[in-house]
Amino acid sequence: MYGKNDNNNSNDQVMWKFSFGSGKFPRALKVPLQKYRDVEEEECIWNFSKNKRELLTEMVPEEMRTSVMLRGIPSDYNRDDIVQLLLERGFGEINFFYLPMNLKSGLNTGYAFINFRFPQNASEFKSSFSGTPFSETRPEEIGWVHWRCPIQGFASHFDRYRRNFASHSGLPSQFKPMLYRNGKGVPFPAVWDGVKVCRKVQKYI
């Protein structure tokens, strides 16, 4: 839903986003309507040019960053476990998620890359989740959140992993990065032709 200020300037229109997690009250986020439309437009463009676009973290002010690295993930967690955790805690507004996995053991490597749709969510997740247990039954397993380096943003991650063997169509889904639209996972497009594939991946192809 969205509303607008008293004047008729379309730039003053805002949208209120509500995230219903497991808490007593939903998390509310006020987003300029034009900013929301810009994010929607960026997410709808799948066929980016072959000119690699990577926005360096050091070039982005902290209040504008959307990409984080989540560390300390229990090795037996999979992508769905982490995404469900984000939803339960009211941080489901994401458009990119990648949990690197060990191809031999099938266990995760302990960290994940997440891109939130809006900077406010990324900042709040970073400040509120760092030092927090992943589960009440396993209080010794603590999560830590850092700004993603060296890149920031949806387009940067899309372009980087569009050229990465991790997105190869021959790999099982759980090993691949995932895009999200309207809260639902969307398979990552096939990698560009000519992407080199390491030996560990070849056995899946």
Protein backbone atom coordinates (compact mmCIF):
# COMPACT_ATOMS: atom_id res chain seq x y z
CA MET A 1 0.00 0.00 0.00
CA TYR A 2 1.17 3.55 -0.45
CA GLY A 3 0.13 7.10 0.29
CA LYS A 4 1.36 10.54 -0.67
CA ASN A 5 2.01 13.88 0.93
CA ASP A 6 -0.30 16.86 0.65
CA ASN A 7 1.30 18.31 -2.49
CA ASN A 8 0.88 16.74 -5.90
CA ASN A 9 4.55 16.08 -6.61
CA SER A 10 4.83 12.41 -7.61
CA ASN A 11 8.31 12.32 -6.10
CA ASP A 12 6.72 12.75 -2.66
CA GLN A 13 4.66 9.57 -2.91
CA VAL A 14 5.68 6.80 -0.53
CA MET A 15 4.96 3.13 -0.09
CA TRP A 16 4.64 1.35 3.23
CA LYS A 17 5.99 -2.20 3.25
CA PHE A 18 5.05 -4.54 6.09
CA SER A 19 6.99 -7.74 6.91
CA PHE A 20 5.14 -10.23 9.07
CA GLY A 21 7.67 -12.43 10.86
CA SER A 22 7.25 -14.47 14.01
CA GLY A 23 7.29 -11.36 16.21
CA LYS A 24 4.25 -9.79 17.82
CA PHE A 25 4.23 -6.79 15.49
CA PRO A 26 5.15 -6.51 11.79
CA ARG A 27 8.20 -4.56 10.68
CA ALA A 28 7.20 -1.42 8.77
CA LEU A 29 9.34 0.16 6.07
CA LYS A 30 8.63 3.50 4.42
CA VAL A 31 9.97 3.59 0.85
CA PRO A 32 9.74 6.43 -1.70
CA LEU A 33 7.47 5.16 -4.45
CA GLN A 34 9.92 6.08 -7.20
CA LYS A 35 12.67 4.16 -5.41
CA TYR A 36 10.40 1.13 -5.17
CA ARG A 37 9.64 1.37 -8.90
CA ASP A 38 13.35 1.62 -9.68
CA VAL A 39 14.04 -1.57 -7.72
CA GLU A 40 11.16 -3.35 -9.45
CA GLU A 41 12.47 -2.31 -12.86
CA GLU A 42 16.00 -3.49 -12.08
CA GLU A 43 14.77 -6.89 -10.87
CA CYS A 44 12.72 -7.44 -14.02
CA ILE A 45 15.71 -7.11 -16.35
CA TRP A 46 17.25 -10.54 -16.68
CA ASN A 47 19.21 -10.14 -19.91
CA PHE A 48 21.83 -7.63 -18.89
CA SER A 49 24.51 -6.65 -21.36
CA LYS A 50 27.76 -8.59 -21.44
CA ASN A 51 29.56 -5.54 -20.09
CA LYS A 52 30.32 -6.57 -16.53
CA ARG A 53 28.76 -4.18 -14.03
CA GLU A 54 30.17 -4.36 -10.53
CA LEU A 55 29.65 -1.59 -8.00
CA LEU A 56 32.48 -1.60 -5.46
CA THR A 57 31.49 -1.49 -1.80
CA GLU A 58 33.99 1.26 -1.03
CA MET A 59 32.17 3.50 -3.51
CA VAL A 60 28.78 3.08 -1.80
CA PRO A 61 27.90 5.05 1.38
CA GLU A 62 26.84 2.73 4.20
CA GLU A 63 23.32 4.16 4.25
CA MET A 64 22.90 3.11 0.60
CA ARG A 65 24.31 -0.43 0.82
CA THR A 66 22.04 -3.42 0.26
CA SER A 67 24.42 -6.41 0.25
CA VAL A 68 25.65 -8.27 3.33
CA MET A 69 27.69 -11.34 4.18
CA LEU A 70 26.19 -13.58 6.87
CA ARG A 71 28.81 -15.66 8.70
CA GLY A 72 28.77 -18.40 11.31
CA ILE A 73 26.05 -20.44 9.58
CA PRO A 74 25.78 -23.98 11.00
CA SER A 75 27.21 -26.40 8.44
CA ASP A 76 24.01 -28.47 8.19
CA TYR A 77 21.83 -25.47 7.23
CA ASN A 78 20.73 -25.18 3.62
CA ARG A 79 19.43 -22.26 1.59
CA ASP A 80 15.80 -22.82 2.56
CA ASP A 81 16.71 -22.85 6.26
CA ILE A 82 18.34 -19.41 6.05
CA VAL A 83 15.62 -17.90 3.88
CA GLN A 84 12.98 -19.19 6.30
CA LEU A 85 14.95 -17.64 9.16
CA LEU A 86 14.94 -14.29 7.35
CA LEU A 87 11.18 -14.52 6.85
CA GLU A 88 10.55 -15.41 10.48
CA ARG A 89 12.52 -12.38 11.64
CA GLY A 90 10.83 -10.00 9.22
CA PHE A 91 13.68 -9.68 6.71
CA GLY A 92 12.14 -11.41 3.70
CA GLU A 93 12.57 -8.47 1.29
CA ILE A 94 15.53 -9.91 -0.62
CA ASN A 95 16.23 -10.40 -4.33
CA PHE A 96 19.50 -12.37 -4.28
CA PHE A 97 20.81 -15.16 -2.05
CA TYR A 98 23.83 -17.43 -2.37
CA LEU A 99 24.98 -20.01 0.16
CA PRO A 100 28.23 -21.58 -1.14
CA MET A 101 28.28 -25.33 -0.65
CA ASN A 102 31.03 -27.94 -0.49
CA LEU A 103 30.39 -30.02 -3.60
CA LYS A 104 31.85 -33.14 -2.00
CA SER A 105 30.19 -33.12 1.42
CA GLY A 106 27.01 -31.26 0.51
CA LEU A 107 27.43 -29.01 3.56
CA ASN A 108 27.59 -25.23 3.43
CA THR A 109 30.85 -23.32 3.85
CA GLY A 110 29.62 -21.23 6.79
CA TYR A 111 28.70 -17.99 5.05
CA ALA A 112 26.12 -16.57 2.63
CA PHE A 113 25.71 -13.49 0.46
CA ILE A 114 22.36 -11.68 0.67
CA ASN A 115 21.11 -8.67 -1.23
CA PHE A 116 18.17 -6.83 0.29
CA ARG A 117 15.82 -4.83 -1.87
CA PHE A 118 16.17 -1.71 0.26
CA PRO A 119 19.11 -0.25 2.21
CA GLN A 120 17.06 0.14 5.40
CA ASN A 121 16.51 -3.62 5.60
CA ALA A 122 20.18 -4.39 5.05
CA SER A 123 21.25 -1.95 7.76
CA GLU A 124 18.67 -3.18 10.26
CA PHE A 125 19.55 -6.82 9.61
CA LYS A 126 23.25 -6.08 10.06
CA SER A 127 22.72 -4.32 13.38
CA SER A 128 20.05 -6.61 14.82
CA PHE A 129 21.24 -10.08 13.78
CA SER A 130 24.96 -9.81 14.54
CA GLY A 131 25.67 -11.73 17.74
CA THR A 132 22.33 -13.55 17.60
CA PRO A 133 21.94 -17.36 17.74
CA PHE A 134 20.52 -19.05 14.67
CA SER A 135 18.31 -21.19 16.90
CA GLU A 136 17.19 -21.13 20.53
CA THR A 137 18.06 -24.82 20.79
CA ARG A 138 21.65 -24.19 19.63
CA PRO A 139 22.63 -20.95 21.42
CA GLU A 140 26.34 -21.52 20.84
CA GLU A 141 25.96 -21.03 17.07
CA ILE A 142 26.10 -17.26 16.61
CA GLY A 143 25.54 -15.31 13.40
CA TRP A 144 27.62 -12.31 12.36
CA VAL A 145 26.75 -9.86 9.60
CA HIS A 146 29.22 -7.74 7.64
CA TRP A 147 28.91 -5.54 4.59
CA ARG A 148 29.47 -7.58 1.45
CA CYS A 149 32.85 -6.90 -0.11
CA PRO A 150 34.04 -6.15 -2.69
CA ILE A 151 30.68 -5.58 -4.45
CA GLN A 152 27.25 -4.15 -3.68
CA GLY A 153 23.82 -4.34 -5.28
CA PHE A 154 21.53 -6.66 -7.20
CA ALA A 155 23.02 -5.93 -10.64
CA SER A 156 26.57 -6.53 -9.39
CA HIS A 157 25.64 -9.97 -8.06
CA PHE A 158 23.59 -10.86 -11.11
CA ASP A 159 26.41 -10.00 -13.49
CA ARG A 160 29.09 -11.69 -11.37
CA TYR A 161 27.27 -15.00 -10.99
CA ARG A 162 25.98 -14.98 -14.55
CA ARG A 163 29.64 -15.50 -15.40
CA ASN A 164 30.39 -18.04 -12.67
CA PHE A 165 30.42 -21.84 -12.83
CA ALA A 166 28.25 -21.85 -9.66
CA SER A 167 25.27 -20.98 -11.87
CA HIS A 168 25.87 -23.77 -14.38
CA SER A 169 22.64 -25.50 -15.36
CA GLY A 170 24.19 -28.89 -14.68
CA LEU A 171 24.61 -28.25 -10.96
CA PRO A 172 21.91 -29.29 -8.47
CA SER A 173 19.76 -26.38 -7.35
CA GLN A 174 21.04 -26.33 -3.78
CA PHE A 175 24.55 -25.47 -4.98
CA LYS A 176 23.49 -22.47 -7.02
CA PRO A 177 22.70 -18.82 -6.26
CA MET A 178 19.01 -17.93 -6.29
CA LEU A 179 17.10 -14.83 -7.32
CA TYR A 180 13.93 -13.83 -5.49
CA ARG A 181 10.87 -12.02 -6.77
CA ASN A 182 7.79 -11.33 -4.64
CA GLY A 183 9.22 -13.56 -1.94
CA LYS A 184 9.59 -16.60 -4.21
CA GLY A 185 12.77 -18.14 -5.55
CA VAL A 186 13.51 -17.76 -9.25
CA PRO A 187 16.13 -20.03 -10.89
CA PHE A 188 19.28 -18.22 -11.90
CA PRO A 189 19.67 -17.83 -15.70
CA ALA A 190 22.20 -20.02 -17.48
CA VAL A 191 25.78 -18.78 -17.46
CA TRP A 192 27.26 -17.03 -20.46
CA ASP A 193 28.90 -19.24 -23.07
CA GLY A 194 32.59 -19.76 -22.49
CA VAL A 195 32.52 -19.82 -18.68
CA LYS A 196 35.22 -22.18 -17.45
CA VAL A 197 34.06 -25.07 -15.28
CA CYS A 198 36.31 -26.52 -12.58
CA ARG A 199 36.87 -30.28 -12.31
CA LYS A 200 34.70 -30.61 -9.20
CA VAL A 201 31.71 -29.31 -11.15
CA GLN A 202 32.26 -31.41 -14.26
CA LYS A 203 30.98 -34.59 -12.64
CA TYR A 204 27.53 -32.99 -12.24
CA ILE A 205 27.28 -31.91 -15.88
